[in-house]
C-alpha atoms as a PDB file:
ATOM      1  CA  UNK A   1       8.905   9.151   6.887  1.00  0.00           C
ATOM      2  CA  UNK A   2      11.346  11.886   5.961  1.00  0.00           C
ATOM      3  CA  UNK A   3      14.390   9.630   6.003  1.00  0.00           C
ATOM      4  CA  UNK A   4      15.080   7.285   3.117  1.00  0.00           C
ATOM      5  CA  UNK A   5      13.842   3.886   4.132  1.00  0.00           C
ATOM      6  CA  UNK A   6      13.196   0.645   2.284  1.00  0.00           C
ATOM      7  CA  UNK A   7       9.466   0.193   1.824  1.00  0.00           C
ATOM      8  CA  UNK A   8       9.740  -2.596  -0.764  1.00  0.00           C
ATOM      9  CA  UNK A   9       8.213  -5.174   1.602  1.00  0.00           C
ATOM     10  CA  UNK A  10       5.264  -2.924   2.311  1.00  0.00           C
ATOM     11  CA  UNK A  11       4.842  -2.137  -1.391  1.00  0.00           C
ATOM     12  CA  UNK A  12       4.831  -5.839  -2.302  1.00  0.00           C
ATOM     13  CA  UNK A  13       2.236  -6.593   0.375  1.00  0.00           C
ATOM     14  CA  UNK A  14       0.030  -3.778  -0.902  1.00  0.00           C
ATOM     15  CA  UNK A  15       0.305  -4.951  -4.502  1.00  0.00           C
ATOM     16  CA  UNK A  16      -0.592  -8.511  -3.433  1.00  0.00           C
ATOM     17  CA  UNK A  17      -3.745  -7.215  -1.747  1.00  0.00           C
ATOM     18  CA  UNK A  18      -4.879  -5.211  -4.748  1.00  0.00           C
ATOM     19  CA  UNK A  19      -6.247  -7.722  -7.194  1.00  0.00           C
ATOM     20  CA  UNK A  20      -4.999  -7.799 -10.763  1.00  0.00           C
ATOM     21  CA  UNK A  21      -8.547  -7.836 -12.110  1.00  0.00           C
ATOM     22  CA  UNK A  22     -10.745  -4.780 -12.519  1.00  0.00           C
ATOM     23  CA  UNK A  23     -12.497  -5.274  -9.161  1.00  0.00           C
ATOM     24  CA  UNK A  24     -11.607  -2.315  -6.917  1.00  0.00           C
ATOM     25  CA  UNK A  25     -10.120  -3.098  -3.485  1.00  0.00           C
ATOM     26  CA  UNK A  26     -11.124  -0.900  -0.561  1.00  0.00           C
ATOM     27  CA  UNK A  27      -8.573   0.336   1.991  1.00  0.00           C
ATOM     28  CA  UNK A  28     -10.183  -1.744   4.743  1.00  0.00           C
ATOM     29  CA  UNK A  29      -9.495  -4.888   2.676  1.00  0.00           C
ATOM     30  CA  UNK A  30      -5.903  -3.860   2.021  1.00  0.00           C
ATOM     31  CA  UNK A  31      -4.947  -2.889   5.581  1.00  0.00           C
ATOM     32  CA  UNK A  32      -4.879  -6.056   7.635  1.00  0.00           C
ATOM     33  CA  UNK A  33      -2.920  -9.169   8.518  1.00  0.00           C
ATOM     34  CA  UNK A  34       0.715  -9.235   7.481  1.00  0.00           C
ATOM     35  CA  UNK A  35       0.502  -5.751   5.950  1.00  0.00           C
ATOM     36  CA  UNK A  36      -0.813  -4.295   9.205  1.00  0.00           C
ATOM     37  CA  UNK A  37       2.005  -6.011  11.104  1.00  0.00           C
ATOM     38  CA  UNK A  38       4.584  -4.470   8.759  1.00  0.00           C
ATOM     39  CA  UNK A  39       3.031  -1.025   9.311  1.00  0.00           C
ATOM     40  CA  UNK A  40       3.193  -1.545  13.077  1.00  0.00           C
ATOM     41  CA  UNK A  41       6.858  -2.567  12.767  1.00  0.00           C
ATOM     42  CA  UNK A  42       7.574   0.655  10.874  1.00  0.00           C
ATOM     43  CA  UNK A  43       5.616   2.628  13.464  1.00  0.00           C
ATOM     44  CA  UNK A  44       7.929   1.372  16.190  1.00  0.00           C
ATOM     45  CA  UNK A  45      10.672   3.465  14.520  1.00  0.00           C
ATOM     46  CA  UNK A  46       8.452   6.506  13.953  1.00  0.00           C
ATOM     47  CA  UNK A  47       6.485   7.053  17.160  1.00  0.00           C
ATOM     48  CA  UNK A  48       4.549  10.092  15.899  1.00  0.00           C
ATOM     49  CA  UNK A  49       2.945   8.288  12.947  1.00  0.00           C
ATOM     50  CA  UNK A  50      -0.153   6.098  13.189  1.00  0.00           C
ATOM     51  CA  UNK A  51       0.492   2.644  11.635  1.00  0.00           C
ATOM     52  CA  UNK A  52      -2.253   2.924   8.984  1.00  0.00           C
ATOM     53  CA  UNK A  53      -0.584   6.089   7.654  1.00  0.00           C
ATOM     54  CA  UNK A  54       2.326   4.017   6.332  1.00  0.00           C
ATOM     55  CA  UNK A  55      -0.098   2.056   4.166  1.00  0.00           C
ATOM     56  CA  UNK A  56      -1.868   5.226   3.081  1.00  0.00           C
ATOM     57  CA  UNK A  57       1.393   6.939   2.131  1.00  0.00           C
ATOM     58  CA  UNK A  58       2.662   3.934   0.201  1.00  0.00           C
ATOM     59  CA  UNK A  59      -0.648   3.696  -1.682  1.00  0.00           C
ATOM     60  CA  UNK A  60      -0.107   7.289  -2.774  1.00  0.00           C
ATOM     61  CA  UNK A  61       3.511   6.575  -3.752  1.00  0.00           C
ATOM     62  CA  UNK A  62       2.430   3.554  -5.819  1.00  0.00           C
ATOM     63  CA  UNK A  63      -0.295   5.690  -7.416  1.00  0.00           C
ATOM     64  CA  UNK A  64       2.221   8.391  -8.330  1.00  0.00           C
ATOM     65  CA  UNK A  65       4.508   5.691  -9.768  1.00  0.00           C
ATOM     66  CA  UNK A  66       1.636   4.592 -12.024  1.00  0.00           C
ATOM     67  CA  UNK A  67       1.312   1.091 -10.567  1.00  0.00           C
ATOM     68  CA  UNK A  68      -2.173   1.567  -9.102  1.00  0.00           C
ATOM     69  CA  UNK A  69      -5.024   4.029  -9.358  1.00  0.00           C
ATOM     70  CA  UNK A  70      -8.013   4.973  -7.259  1.00  0.00           C
ATOM     71  CA  UNK A  71     -11.596   4.668  -8.452  1.00  0.00           C
ATOM     72  CA  UNK A  72     -14.862   5.343  -6.671  1.00  0.00           C
ATOM     73  CA  UNK A  73     -14.948   1.713  -5.604  1.00  0.00           C
ATOM     74  CA  UNK A  74     -11.374   1.475  -4.347  1.00  0.00           C
ATOM     75  CA  UNK A  75      -7.856   0.734  -5.582  1.00  0.00           C
ATOM     76  CA  UNK A  76      -7.055  -1.159  -8.780  1.00  0.00           C
ATOM     77  CA  UNK A  77      -3.820  -2.025 -10.536  1.00  0.00           C
ATOM     78  CA  UNK A  78      -2.866  -0.376 -13.764  1.00  0.00           C
ATOM     79  CA  UNK A  79      -1.307  -2.352 -16.596  1.00  0.00           C
ATOM     80  CA  UNK A  80       2.095  -1.216 -15.283  1.00  0.00           C
ATOM     81  CA  UNK A  81       1.185  -2.612 -11.843  1.00  0.00           C
ATOM     82  CA  UNK A  82       0.326  -6.113 -13.021  1.00  0.00           C
ATOM     83  CA  UNK A  83       3.336  -8.329 -12.583  1.00  0.00           C
ATOM     84  CA  UNK A  84       3.491 -11.728 -14.284  1.00  0.00           C
END
């Protein structure tokens, strides 16, 4: 993932999976379905990266951007991450 690539689709899918309420969402609940398919599509371009790593890396990027945060129970959105 060294090259600049557009991860906006993956970011949107992650944010949809993380509920806007204060109930933490575990990684296993985030990584699945359409999001997993998008990670596998990205993996086809980057053969040395496991598909789930794309989700993991984007979670960290969204955390650093202040849109989500991690708690003991899982991932939750911050006020900045809640979109109307």
